[in-house]
N, C-alpha and C. Protein backbone atom coordinates (compact mmCIF):
# COMPACT_ATOMS: atom_id res chain seq x y z
N MET A 1 0.84 -1.20 0.00
CA MET A 1 0.00 0.00 0.00
C MET A 1 0.87 1.24 0.00
N ASN A 2 0.60 2.18 -0.92
CA ASN A 2 1.41 3.37 -1.04
C ASN A 2 0.95 4.42 -0.04
N GLY A 3 1.80 5.42 0.14
CA GLY A 3 1.43 6.51 1.05
C GLY A 3 2.23 6.48 2.31
N ALA A 4 2.20 7.61 3.02
CA ALA A 4 2.97 7.74 4.26
C ALA A 4 2.31 6.95 5.36
N SER A 5 3.11 6.53 6.32
CA SER A 5 2.59 5.82 7.47
C SER A 5 1.79 6.78 8.34
N PRO A 6 0.85 6.25 9.17
CA PRO A 6 0.07 7.12 10.06
C PRO A 6 0.96 7.97 10.95
N LYS A 7 2.07 7.39 11.44
CA LYS A 7 2.97 8.15 12.32
C LYS A 7 3.59 9.31 11.58
N ALA A 8 4.03 9.07 10.31
CA ALA A 8 4.63 10.14 9.52
C ALA A 8 3.60 11.23 9.23
N SER A 9 2.36 10.82 8.94
CA SER A 9 1.31 11.79 8.66
C SER A 9 1.01 12.65 9.88
N GLN A 10 1.00 12.04 11.06
CA GLN A 10 0.76 12.79 12.29
C GLN A 10 1.88 13.78 12.55
N LYS A 11 3.13 13.37 12.24
CA LYS A 11 4.26 14.26 12.42
C LYS A 11 4.13 15.48 11.53
N ARG A 12 3.72 15.27 10.28
CA ARG A 12 3.57 16.38 9.35
C ARG A 12 2.49 17.33 9.84
N GLN A 13 1.41 16.79 10.37
CA GLN A 13 0.31 17.63 10.84
C GLN A 13 0.71 18.48 12.05
N ARG A 14 1.61 17.96 12.88
CA ARG A 14 2.02 18.68 14.08
C ARG A 14 3.00 19.80 13.78
N MET A 15 3.70 19.73 12.65
CA MET A 15 4.71 20.72 12.33
C MET A 15 4.08 22.03 11.87
N THR A 16 4.61 23.15 12.35
CA THR A 16 4.15 24.45 11.88
C THR A 16 4.78 24.76 10.53
N THR A 17 4.33 25.82 9.89
CA THR A 17 4.88 26.20 8.60
C THR A 17 6.38 26.48 8.70
N ASP A 18 6.79 27.22 9.73
CA ASP A 18 8.21 27.52 9.90
C ASP A 18 9.01 26.26 10.19
N GLN A 19 8.43 25.35 10.96
CA GLN A 19 9.12 24.10 11.27
C GLN A 19 9.30 23.25 10.02
N ARG A 20 8.30 23.25 9.16
CA ARG A 20 8.42 22.49 7.92
C ARG A 20 9.55 23.06 7.06
N ARG A 21 9.59 24.38 6.96
CA ARG A 21 10.65 25.00 6.16
C ARG A 21 12.03 24.68 6.73
N GLU A 22 12.17 24.77 8.05
CA GLU A 22 13.45 24.46 8.68
C GLU A 22 13.83 22.99 8.48
N ALA A 23 12.83 22.12 8.57
CA ALA A 23 13.09 20.69 8.37
C ALA A 23 13.55 20.41 6.94
N ILE A 24 12.96 21.11 5.98
CA ILE A 24 13.35 20.93 4.58
C ILE A 24 14.77 21.44 4.35
N LEU A 25 15.09 22.59 4.93
CA LEU A 25 16.44 23.14 4.79
C LEU A 25 17.47 22.18 5.39
N LYS A 26 17.17 21.66 6.58
CA LYS A 26 18.10 20.75 7.24
C LYS A 26 18.26 19.46 6.42
N ALA A 27 17.15 18.92 5.97
CA ALA A 27 17.21 17.69 5.17
C ALA A 27 17.94 17.95 3.85
N GLY A 28 17.68 19.11 3.25
CA GLY A 28 18.34 19.45 2.00
C GLY A 28 19.85 19.53 2.17
N LEU A 29 20.29 20.15 3.27
CA LEU A 29 21.72 20.22 3.55
C LEU A 29 22.31 18.83 3.66
N ASP A 30 21.63 17.95 4.38
CA ASP A 30 22.13 16.58 4.56
C ASP A 30 22.21 15.84 3.22
N ILE A 31 21.17 15.96 2.41
CA ILE A 31 21.13 15.21 1.15
C ILE A 31 22.11 15.79 0.13
N PHE A 32 22.17 17.10 0.02
CA PHE A 32 23.13 17.70 -0.90
C PHE A 32 24.56 17.35 -0.51
N ALA A 33 24.83 17.38 0.79
CA ALA A 33 26.18 17.07 1.27
C ALA A 33 26.55 15.63 0.96
N ALA A 34 25.58 14.73 1.08
CA ALA A 34 25.86 13.30 0.88
C ALA A 34 25.89 12.91 -0.59
N GLU A 35 25.06 13.54 -1.42
CA GLU A 35 24.89 13.08 -2.79
C GLU A 35 25.33 14.06 -3.86
N GLY A 36 25.59 15.31 -3.47
CA GLY A 36 25.92 16.32 -4.47
C GLY A 36 24.67 16.96 -5.03
N PHE A 37 24.84 18.09 -5.70
CA PHE A 37 23.68 18.82 -6.20
C PHE A 37 22.95 18.05 -7.29
N ASN A 38 23.68 17.54 -8.26
CA ASN A 38 23.04 16.91 -9.41
C ASN A 38 22.29 15.64 -9.03
N ALA A 39 22.89 14.82 -8.18
CA ALA A 39 22.29 13.53 -7.83
C ALA A 39 21.17 13.65 -6.79
N ALA A 40 21.15 14.72 -6.03
CA ALA A 40 20.15 14.87 -4.98
C ALA A 40 18.74 14.94 -5.57
N LYS A 41 17.80 14.27 -4.91
CA LYS A 41 16.41 14.25 -5.35
C LYS A 41 15.51 14.89 -4.30
N LEU A 42 14.55 15.66 -4.76
CA LEU A 42 13.63 16.30 -3.81
C LEU A 42 12.77 15.27 -3.08
N ASP A 43 12.52 14.13 -3.72
CA ASP A 43 11.78 13.06 -3.04
C ASP A 43 12.54 12.62 -1.79
N THR A 44 13.86 12.50 -1.93
CA THR A 44 14.68 12.08 -0.80
C THR A 44 14.70 13.15 0.28
N VAL A 45 14.78 14.41 -0.14
CA VAL A 45 14.74 15.52 0.81
C VAL A 45 13.44 15.51 1.59
N ALA A 46 12.33 15.32 0.88
CA ALA A 46 11.02 15.31 1.53
C ALA A 46 10.92 14.18 2.54
N GLN A 47 11.39 13.01 2.15
CA GLN A 47 11.36 11.85 3.04
C GLN A 47 12.19 12.12 4.30
N ARG A 48 13.39 12.69 4.12
CA ARG A 48 14.25 12.99 5.26
C ARG A 48 13.61 14.06 6.17
N ALA A 49 12.93 15.01 5.55
CA ALA A 49 12.32 16.10 6.32
C ALA A 49 11.03 15.70 7.00
N GLY A 50 10.43 14.59 6.54
CA GLY A 50 9.15 14.16 7.11
C GLY A 50 7.99 14.97 6.60
N VAL A 51 8.09 15.42 5.33
CA VAL A 51 7.01 16.19 4.73
C VAL A 51 6.65 15.58 3.39
N ALA A 52 5.50 15.96 2.85
CA ALA A 52 5.14 15.55 1.51
C ALA A 52 5.99 16.32 0.50
N LYS A 53 6.27 15.71 -0.64
CA LYS A 53 7.11 16.38 -1.62
C LYS A 53 6.51 17.72 -2.04
N GLY A 54 5.18 17.77 -2.15
CA GLY A 54 4.51 19.01 -2.55
C GLY A 54 4.77 20.15 -1.59
N THR A 55 5.04 19.82 -0.32
CA THR A 55 5.30 20.85 0.68
C THR A 55 6.58 21.62 0.35
N ILE A 56 7.53 20.95 -0.27
CA ILE A 56 8.78 21.62 -0.65
C ILE A 56 8.47 22.79 -1.59
N TYR A 57 7.53 22.57 -2.52
CA TYR A 57 7.22 23.60 -3.50
C TYR A 57 6.41 24.74 -2.90
N VAL A 58 5.88 24.55 -1.71
CA VAL A 58 5.23 25.66 -1.01
C VAL A 58 6.27 26.70 -0.57
N HIS A 59 7.46 26.21 -0.25
CA HIS A 59 8.52 27.08 0.29
C HIS A 59 9.62 27.41 -0.72
N PHE A 60 9.82 26.53 -1.70
CA PHE A 60 10.93 26.71 -2.64
C PHE A 60 10.46 26.41 -4.06
N LYS A 61 10.98 27.17 -5.02
CA LYS A 61 10.54 27.01 -6.41
C LYS A 61 10.96 25.67 -6.99
N ASP A 62 12.19 25.27 -6.70
CA ASP A 62 12.73 24.04 -7.27
C ASP A 62 13.98 23.66 -6.49
N LYS A 63 14.70 22.67 -6.98
CA LYS A 63 15.88 22.18 -6.27
C LYS A 63 16.95 23.26 -6.17
N GLN A 64 17.15 24.01 -7.24
CA GLN A 64 18.16 25.06 -7.20
C GLN A 64 17.82 26.13 -6.17
N ASP A 65 16.55 26.50 -6.11
CA ASP A 65 16.13 27.49 -5.12
C ASP A 65 16.37 26.98 -3.71
N LEU A 66 16.10 25.73 -3.46
CA LEU A 66 16.37 25.14 -2.15
C LEU A 66 17.86 25.21 -1.83
N PHE A 67 18.67 24.85 -2.81
CA PHE A 67 20.12 24.88 -2.61
C PHE A 67 20.59 26.30 -2.30
N GLU A 68 20.06 27.27 -3.03
CA GLU A 68 20.46 28.66 -2.82
C GLU A 68 20.04 29.16 -1.44
N GLN A 69 18.85 28.77 -1.01
CA GLN A 69 18.40 29.20 0.32
C GLN A 69 19.22 28.56 1.44
N ILE A 70 19.69 27.35 1.20
CA ILE A 70 20.57 26.70 2.17
C ILE A 70 21.88 27.48 2.26
N ILE A 71 22.39 27.94 1.12
CA ILE A 71 23.60 28.76 1.12
C ILE A 71 23.39 30.01 1.96
N LEU A 72 22.28 30.70 1.73
CA LEU A 72 22.01 31.93 2.47
C LEU A 72 21.87 31.67 3.97
N GLU A 73 21.21 30.58 4.32
CA GLU A 73 21.06 30.23 5.73
C GLU A 73 22.42 29.99 6.38
N ALA A 74 23.36 29.47 5.59
CA ALA A 74 24.68 29.12 6.12
C ALA A 74 25.55 30.35 6.34
N VAL A 75 25.52 31.28 5.39
CA VAL A 75 26.49 32.37 5.44
C VAL A 75 25.93 33.72 5.87
N SER A 76 24.64 33.93 5.72
CA SER A 76 24.07 35.25 6.05
C SER A 76 24.33 35.69 7.48
N PRO A 77 24.20 34.80 8.48
CA PRO A 77 24.47 35.25 9.86
C PRO A 77 25.89 35.75 10.05
N ILE A 78 26.85 35.12 9.39
CA ILE A 78 28.24 35.55 9.53
C ILE A 78 28.45 36.90 8.86
N ILE A 79 27.88 37.08 7.66
CA ILE A 79 28.00 38.37 6.97
C ILE A 79 27.37 39.47 7.81
N THR A 80 26.21 39.21 8.37
CA THR A 80 25.53 40.20 9.21
C THR A 80 26.38 40.56 10.43
N ARG A 81 26.99 39.56 11.03
CA ARG A 81 27.83 39.82 12.21
C ARG A 81 29.06 40.65 11.85
N ILE A 82 29.69 40.32 10.72
CA ILE A 82 30.85 41.10 10.27
C ILE A 82 30.45 42.55 10.02
N GLU A 83 29.31 42.74 9.37
CA GLU A 83 28.83 44.09 9.08
C GLU A 83 28.56 44.86 10.36
N SER A 84 27.99 44.17 11.36
CA SER A 84 27.67 44.85 12.61
C SER A 84 28.94 45.26 13.35
N ILE A 85 29.97 44.41 13.30
CA ILE A 85 31.23 44.75 13.96
C ILE A 85 31.92 45.89 13.23
N THR A 86 31.84 45.88 11.90
CA THR A 86 32.45 46.94 11.10
C THR A 86 31.84 48.29 11.43
N ASP A 87 30.58 48.29 11.82
CA ASP A 87 29.90 49.54 12.16
C ASP A 87 30.35 50.13 13.49
N LEU A 88 31.15 49.37 14.24
CA LEU A 88 31.65 49.86 15.53
C LEU A 88 33.03 50.47 15.32
N PRO A 89 33.13 51.79 15.30
CA PRO A 89 34.40 52.45 14.92
C PRO A 89 35.53 52.20 15.89
N GLU A 90 35.20 51.84 17.14
CA GLU A 90 36.26 51.67 18.12
C GLU A 90 36.94 50.31 18.05
N VAL A 91 36.41 49.38 17.26
CA VAL A 91 36.98 48.03 17.18
C VAL A 91 38.23 48.04 16.29
N PRO A 92 39.40 47.67 16.82
CA PRO A 92 40.61 47.60 16.00
C PRO A 92 40.47 46.56 14.89
N THR A 93 41.14 46.80 13.79
CA THR A 93 41.05 45.88 12.65
C THR A 93 41.55 44.49 13.02
N ALA A 94 42.58 44.41 13.84
CA ALA A 94 43.10 43.10 14.25
C ALA A 94 42.05 42.30 15.00
N VAL A 95 41.27 42.98 15.84
CA VAL A 95 40.21 42.31 16.59
C VAL A 95 39.10 41.87 15.64
N LEU A 96 38.78 42.71 14.68
CA LEU A 96 37.74 42.37 13.71
C LEU A 96 38.12 41.13 12.91
N LEU A 97 39.37 41.10 12.43
CA LEU A 97 39.83 39.94 11.66
C LEU A 97 39.81 38.67 12.51
N ALA A 98 40.25 38.80 13.75
CA ALA A 98 40.24 37.63 14.65
C ALA A 98 38.82 37.13 14.86
N THR A 99 37.87 38.05 14.96
CA THR A 99 36.46 37.67 15.14
C THR A 99 35.93 36.96 13.91
N VAL A 100 36.26 37.48 12.74
CA VAL A 100 35.84 36.85 11.48
C VAL A 100 36.36 35.43 11.39
N TYR A 101 37.63 35.26 11.71
CA TYR A 101 38.23 33.93 11.62
C TYR A 101 37.63 32.97 12.66
N GLN A 102 37.38 33.48 13.86
CA GLN A 102 36.79 32.62 14.89
C GLN A 102 35.37 32.22 14.52
N ASP A 103 34.58 33.18 14.01
CA ASP A 103 33.22 32.87 13.59
C ASP A 103 33.21 31.83 12.48
N PHE A 104 34.16 31.94 11.55
CA PHE A 104 34.25 30.96 10.47
C PHE A 104 34.48 29.56 11.04
N GLN A 105 35.40 29.46 12.00
CA GLN A 105 35.69 28.15 12.58
C GLN A 105 34.48 27.55 13.27
N THR A 106 33.81 28.34 14.11
CA THR A 106 32.73 27.81 14.93
C THR A 106 31.41 27.67 14.18
N ASP A 107 31.15 28.60 13.25
CA ASP A 107 29.84 28.60 12.58
C ASP A 107 29.84 27.89 11.24
N ILE A 108 31.00 27.67 10.66
CA ILE A 108 31.07 26.99 9.36
C ILE A 108 31.88 25.71 9.45
N LEU A 109 33.17 25.83 9.74
CA LEU A 109 34.07 24.68 9.65
C LEU A 109 33.72 23.58 10.63
N GLU A 110 33.18 23.92 11.79
CA GLU A 110 32.84 22.93 12.80
C GLU A 110 31.38 22.49 12.73
N THR A 111 30.70 22.83 11.65
CA THR A 111 29.30 22.45 11.47
C THR A 111 29.11 21.82 10.10
N GLU A 112 27.89 21.34 9.85
CA GLU A 112 27.58 20.73 8.56
C GLU A 112 27.52 21.77 7.44
N LYS A 113 27.49 23.05 7.79
CA LYS A 113 27.43 24.10 6.77
C LYS A 113 28.65 24.05 5.85
N LYS A 114 29.75 23.53 6.35
CA LYS A 114 30.97 23.48 5.53
C LYS A 114 30.74 22.66 4.26
N HIS A 115 29.86 21.66 4.34
CA HIS A 115 29.65 20.78 3.19
C HIS A 115 29.01 21.54 2.03
N ILE A 116 28.08 22.43 2.35
CA ILE A 116 27.37 23.12 1.29
C ILE A 116 28.29 24.09 0.57
N ILE A 117 29.21 24.73 1.30
CA ILE A 117 30.15 25.65 0.67
C ILE A 117 31.15 24.86 -0.18
N CYS A 118 31.57 23.70 0.31
CA CYS A 118 32.45 22.84 -0.49
C CYS A 118 31.76 22.41 -1.79
N LEU A 119 30.45 22.18 -1.72
CA LEU A 119 29.71 21.81 -2.92
C LEU A 119 29.72 22.94 -3.94
N VAL A 120 29.60 24.17 -3.47
CA VAL A 120 29.67 25.30 -4.38
C VAL A 120 31.02 25.34 -5.07
N LEU A 121 32.08 25.11 -4.30
CA LEU A 121 33.42 25.11 -4.87
C LEU A 121 33.60 23.99 -5.89
N LYS A 122 33.01 22.83 -5.58
CA LYS A 122 33.19 21.67 -6.46
C LYS A 122 32.31 21.76 -7.71
N GLU A 123 31.06 22.19 -7.54
CA GLU A 123 30.09 22.06 -8.62
C GLU A 123 29.75 23.37 -9.30
N GLY A 124 30.34 24.47 -8.84
CA GLY A 124 30.04 25.76 -9.44
C GLY A 124 30.35 25.81 -10.92
N ALA A 125 31.43 25.16 -11.32
CA ALA A 125 31.79 25.16 -12.74
C ALA A 125 30.78 24.41 -13.59
N ASN A 126 30.18 23.36 -13.03
CA ASN A 126 29.19 22.58 -13.77
C ASN A 126 27.81 23.21 -13.75
N PHE A 127 27.57 24.06 -12.77
CA PHE A 127 26.27 24.72 -12.65
C PHE A 127 26.50 26.22 -12.48
N PRO A 128 26.73 26.92 -13.59
CA PRO A 128 27.08 28.34 -13.56
C PRO A 128 26.07 29.21 -12.81
N ALA A 129 24.80 28.85 -12.84
CA ALA A 129 23.79 29.65 -12.15
C ALA A 129 24.05 29.66 -10.64
N ILE A 130 24.51 28.53 -10.11
CA ILE A 130 24.82 28.45 -8.68
C ILE A 130 26.05 29.30 -8.37
N ALA A 131 27.07 29.23 -9.23
CA ALA A 131 28.27 30.04 -9.03
C ALA A 131 27.93 31.53 -9.09
N THR A 132 27.08 31.90 -10.02
CA THR A 132 26.66 33.30 -10.15
C THR A 132 25.91 33.76 -8.91
N PHE A 133 25.01 32.91 -8.42
CA PHE A 133 24.26 33.23 -7.21
C PHE A 133 25.20 33.42 -6.03
N TYR A 134 26.14 32.51 -5.86
CA TYR A 134 27.06 32.57 -4.73
C TYR A 134 27.93 33.82 -4.81
N HIS A 135 28.37 34.14 -6.00
CA HIS A 135 29.19 35.34 -6.17
C HIS A 135 28.37 36.59 -5.81
N ARG A 136 27.14 36.65 -6.28
CA ARG A 136 26.30 37.83 -6.03
C ARG A 136 25.92 37.96 -4.56
N GLU A 137 25.50 36.86 -3.96
CA GLU A 137 24.94 36.93 -2.61
C GLU A 137 25.96 36.78 -1.50
N VAL A 138 27.13 36.23 -1.82
CA VAL A 138 28.14 35.99 -0.79
C VAL A 138 29.43 36.76 -1.08
N ILE A 139 30.08 36.42 -2.18
CA ILE A 139 31.38 37.01 -2.48
C ILE A 139 31.31 38.53 -2.56
N THR A 140 30.34 39.05 -3.31
CA THR A 140 30.22 40.50 -3.48
C THR A 140 30.00 41.21 -2.15
N LYS A 141 29.15 40.62 -1.29
CA LYS A 141 28.85 41.26 0.00
C LYS A 141 30.06 41.19 0.93
N VAL A 142 30.72 40.05 0.94
CA VAL A 142 31.90 39.91 1.80
C VAL A 142 33.01 40.85 1.34
N THR A 143 33.22 40.94 0.03
CA THR A 143 34.26 41.82 -0.51
C THR A 143 33.97 43.27 -0.16
N ALA A 144 32.71 43.67 -0.24
CA ALA A 144 32.35 45.05 0.10
C ALA A 144 32.68 45.35 1.55
N VAL A 145 32.38 44.41 2.44
CA VAL A 145 32.70 44.60 3.86
C VAL A 145 34.21 44.67 4.06
N LEU A 146 34.94 43.79 3.41
CA LEU A 146 36.39 43.77 3.56
C LEU A 146 37.02 45.05 3.04
N ASN A 147 36.50 45.59 1.95
CA ASN A 147 37.02 46.86 1.43
C ASN A 147 36.81 47.98 2.44
N THR A 148 35.67 47.94 3.12
CA THR A 148 35.40 48.93 4.17
C THR A 148 36.39 48.79 5.31
N VAL A 149 36.66 47.55 5.69
CA VAL A 149 37.61 47.28 6.77
C VAL A 149 39.00 47.77 6.38
N ILE A 150 39.42 47.49 5.15
CA ILE A 150 40.74 47.89 4.68
C ILE A 150 40.87 49.41 4.64
N GLU A 151 39.84 50.06 4.10
CA GLU A 151 39.88 51.53 4.01
C GLU A 151 39.95 52.16 5.40
N ARG A 152 39.18 51.61 6.32
CA ARG A 152 39.21 52.15 7.68
C ARG A 152 40.57 51.94 8.33
N ALA A 153 41.18 50.78 8.10
CA ALA A 153 42.50 50.50 8.66
C ALA A 153 43.53 51.48 8.12
N LEU A 154 43.46 51.77 6.83
CA LEU A 154 44.40 52.71 6.22
C LEU A 154 44.21 54.11 6.77
N ASN A 155 42.95 54.51 6.94
CA ASN A 155 42.66 55.85 7.48
C ASN A 155 43.16 55.99 8.92
N ARG A 156 43.18 54.89 9.64
CA ARG A 156 43.66 54.91 11.01
C ARG A 156 45.17 54.84 11.11
N GLY A 157 45.80 54.50 10.00
CA GLY A 157 47.24 54.32 10.02
C GLY A 157 47.66 53.00 10.62
N GLU A 158 46.74 52.02 10.64
CA GLU A 158 47.06 50.69 11.17
C GLU A 158 47.97 49.94 10.19
N ALA A 159 48.87 49.16 10.76
CA ALA A 159 49.78 48.37 9.92
C ALA A 159 48.98 47.36 9.11
N LEU A 160 49.15 47.41 7.80
CA LEU A 160 48.41 46.50 6.93
C LEU A 160 49.27 46.20 5.71
N SER A 161 49.36 44.92 5.37
CA SER A 161 50.15 44.52 4.21
C SER A 161 49.69 45.27 2.97
N SER A 162 50.66 45.74 2.18
CA SER A 162 50.31 46.46 0.96
C SER A 162 49.57 45.56 -0.02
N ALA A 163 49.83 44.27 0.03
CA ALA A 163 49.19 43.34 -0.90
C ALA A 163 47.68 43.29 -0.68
N VAL A 164 47.26 43.31 0.58
CA VAL A 164 45.83 43.17 0.87
C VAL A 164 45.06 44.42 0.47
N ARG A 165 45.76 45.53 0.30
CA ARG A 165 45.09 46.75 -0.15
C ARG A 165 44.55 46.57 -1.57
N ASN A 166 45.28 45.83 -2.38
CA ASN A 166 44.86 45.58 -3.76
C ASN A 166 44.05 44.30 -3.92
N PHE A 167 44.24 43.38 -2.97
CA PHE A 167 43.57 42.09 -3.07
C PHE A 167 42.93 41.71 -1.73
N PRO A 168 41.72 42.23 -1.46
CA PRO A 168 41.03 41.86 -0.21
C PRO A 168 40.75 40.37 -0.14
N HIS A 169 40.82 39.69 -1.28
CA HIS A 169 40.63 38.24 -1.33
C HIS A 169 41.62 37.52 -0.41
N LEU A 170 42.77 38.15 -0.17
CA LEU A 170 43.78 37.52 0.68
C LEU A 170 43.29 37.29 2.10
N ILE A 171 42.31 38.09 2.52
CA ILE A 171 41.78 37.93 3.88
C ILE A 171 41.02 36.61 4.01
N ILE A 172 40.27 36.25 2.95
CA ILE A 172 39.47 35.03 3.02
C ILE A 172 40.16 33.81 2.43
N ALA A 173 41.33 34.01 1.83
CA ALA A 173 42.04 32.88 1.20
C ALA A 173 42.26 31.71 2.15
N PRO A 174 42.69 31.94 3.41
CA PRO A 174 42.91 30.77 4.29
C PRO A 174 41.62 30.08 4.68
N LEU A 175 40.50 30.78 4.58
CA LEU A 175 39.22 30.15 4.89
C LEU A 175 38.87 29.12 3.82
N ILE A 176 39.09 29.50 2.56
CA ILE A 176 38.85 28.57 1.46
C ILE A 176 39.81 27.38 1.56
N LEU A 177 41.07 27.67 1.84
CA LEU A 177 42.05 26.59 2.01
C LEU A 177 41.62 25.63 3.11
N SER A 178 41.14 26.17 4.22
CA SER A 178 40.71 25.33 5.34
C SER A 178 39.56 24.41 4.96
N LEU A 179 38.61 24.95 4.18
CA LEU A 179 37.48 24.14 3.74
C LEU A 179 37.94 23.01 2.83
N ILE A 180 38.77 23.34 1.86
CA ILE A 180 39.25 22.33 0.92
C ILE A 180 40.07 21.27 1.65
N TRP A 181 40.95 21.72 2.54
CA TRP A 181 41.81 20.78 3.27
C TRP A 181 40.96 19.86 4.14
N ASP A 182 39.99 20.43 4.83
CA ASP A 182 39.12 19.63 5.70
C ASP A 182 38.35 18.59 4.88
N ASP A 183 37.93 18.97 3.70
CA ASP A 183 37.13 18.08 2.85
C ASP A 183 37.97 16.94 2.28
N LEU A 184 39.22 17.23 1.94
CA LEU A 184 40.04 16.25 1.23
C LEU A 184 41.07 15.52 2.09
N PHE A 185 41.67 16.23 3.04
CA PHE A 185 42.84 15.68 3.70
C PHE A 185 42.75 15.56 5.22
N ALA A 186 41.64 15.94 5.81
CA ALA A 186 41.55 16.02 7.27
C ALA A 186 41.90 14.70 7.95
N GLU A 187 41.48 13.59 7.37
CA GLU A 187 41.69 12.29 8.03
C GLU A 187 43.13 11.80 7.91
N ILE A 188 43.84 12.24 6.89
CA ILE A 188 45.22 11.76 6.71
C ILE A 188 46.27 12.78 7.15
N ASP A 189 45.88 14.05 7.17
CA ASP A 189 46.84 15.09 7.54
C ASP A 189 46.07 16.27 8.13
N PRO A 190 45.63 16.16 9.38
CA PRO A 190 44.81 17.21 9.99
C PRO A 190 45.53 18.56 10.01
N LEU A 191 44.75 19.61 9.79
CA LEU A 191 45.29 20.96 9.75
C LEU A 191 44.87 21.72 11.01
N ASP A 192 45.83 22.36 11.66
CA ASP A 192 45.52 23.21 12.81
C ASP A 192 45.02 24.54 12.27
N VAL A 193 43.71 24.62 12.07
CA VAL A 193 43.12 25.80 11.42
C VAL A 193 43.32 27.05 12.27
N GLY A 194 43.15 26.92 13.58
CA GLY A 194 43.32 28.08 14.45
C GLY A 194 44.71 28.68 14.32
N ALA A 195 45.72 27.84 14.33
CA ALA A 195 47.10 28.31 14.20
C ALA A 195 47.34 28.91 12.81
N LEU A 196 46.76 28.28 11.79
CA LEU A 196 46.90 28.80 10.43
C LEU A 196 46.33 30.20 10.32
N LEU A 197 45.13 30.39 10.84
CA LEU A 197 44.48 31.69 10.75
C LEU A 197 45.22 32.75 11.56
N GLU A 198 45.74 32.34 12.70
CA GLU A 198 46.52 33.28 13.51
C GLU A 198 47.79 33.70 12.77
N ALA A 199 48.46 32.75 12.15
CA ALA A 199 49.67 33.06 11.38
C ALA A 199 49.35 33.95 10.19
N HIS A 200 48.24 33.67 9.54
CA HIS A 200 47.86 34.46 8.37
C HIS A 200 47.54 35.89 8.77
N GLN A 201 46.87 36.05 9.90
CA GLN A 201 46.54 37.40 10.35
C GLN A 201 47.82 38.21 10.60
N LYS A 202 48.85 37.56 11.10
CA LYS A 202 50.12 38.25 11.34
C LYS A 202 50.79 38.65 10.03
N LEU A 203 50.54 37.87 8.97
CA LEU A 203 51.05 38.26 7.65
C LEU A 203 50.32 39.49 7.14
N LEU A 204 49.01 39.54 7.41
CA LEU A 204 48.22 40.68 6.96
C LEU A 204 48.52 41.93 7.75
N MET A 205 48.72 41.76 9.07
CA MET A 205 48.99 42.90 9.96
C MET A 205 50.20 42.57 10.81
N PRO A 206 51.40 42.72 10.26
CA PRO A 206 52.62 42.26 10.92
C PRO A 206 52.86 42.89 12.28
N ASP A 207 52.38 44.12 12.50
CA ASP A 207 52.66 44.82 13.76
C ASP A 207 51.48 44.83 14.72
N SER A 208 50.52 43.90 14.48
CA SER A 208 49.30 43.93 15.29
C SER A 208 49.46 43.17 16.60
N GLY A 209 50.61 42.53 16.83
CA GLY A 209 50.79 41.81 18.10
C GLY A 209 51.12 40.35 17.88
């Protein structure tokens, strides 16, 4: 006999609209991380989330929209936090960079969110729309914040590598390295990410302590 079990149906009925959306996002993250973007099926996501497949379309247009919303859920809180710290003029640039790196470790690298960003890195070339979305919604916003940080540091006369003035990408370079290393080599050659980020910050701001 086809159809959901009575227990599964009761679970769906008890979930609120927000809970259903959160369950779909969580299940989507798990399925995309395990199977990749192309192989992932919305039927599997729905089953993992404990909802009917049609419920996914209530919240998301299609699989790509679900994937994009998972990306935003993963990175938006960090971008918002960086922006809020940047708005505090009394915060030294060295402290801001240390906060960015610590937030990355705790909110991305030490959580399942790291898998979705690795998927963007791996599959962006095969799915240009996803790469374009990530660049627009993540890279562009992060770069704008970093340019603000760099300009403020220069205006303050804070020690800052001349290279980073032209390439703000250097600030986030070790974050990308950490993600790739964790995904490929963590089990055979673990990387001390905290020490790496601390060393990199000293390269960016040699006189910061």
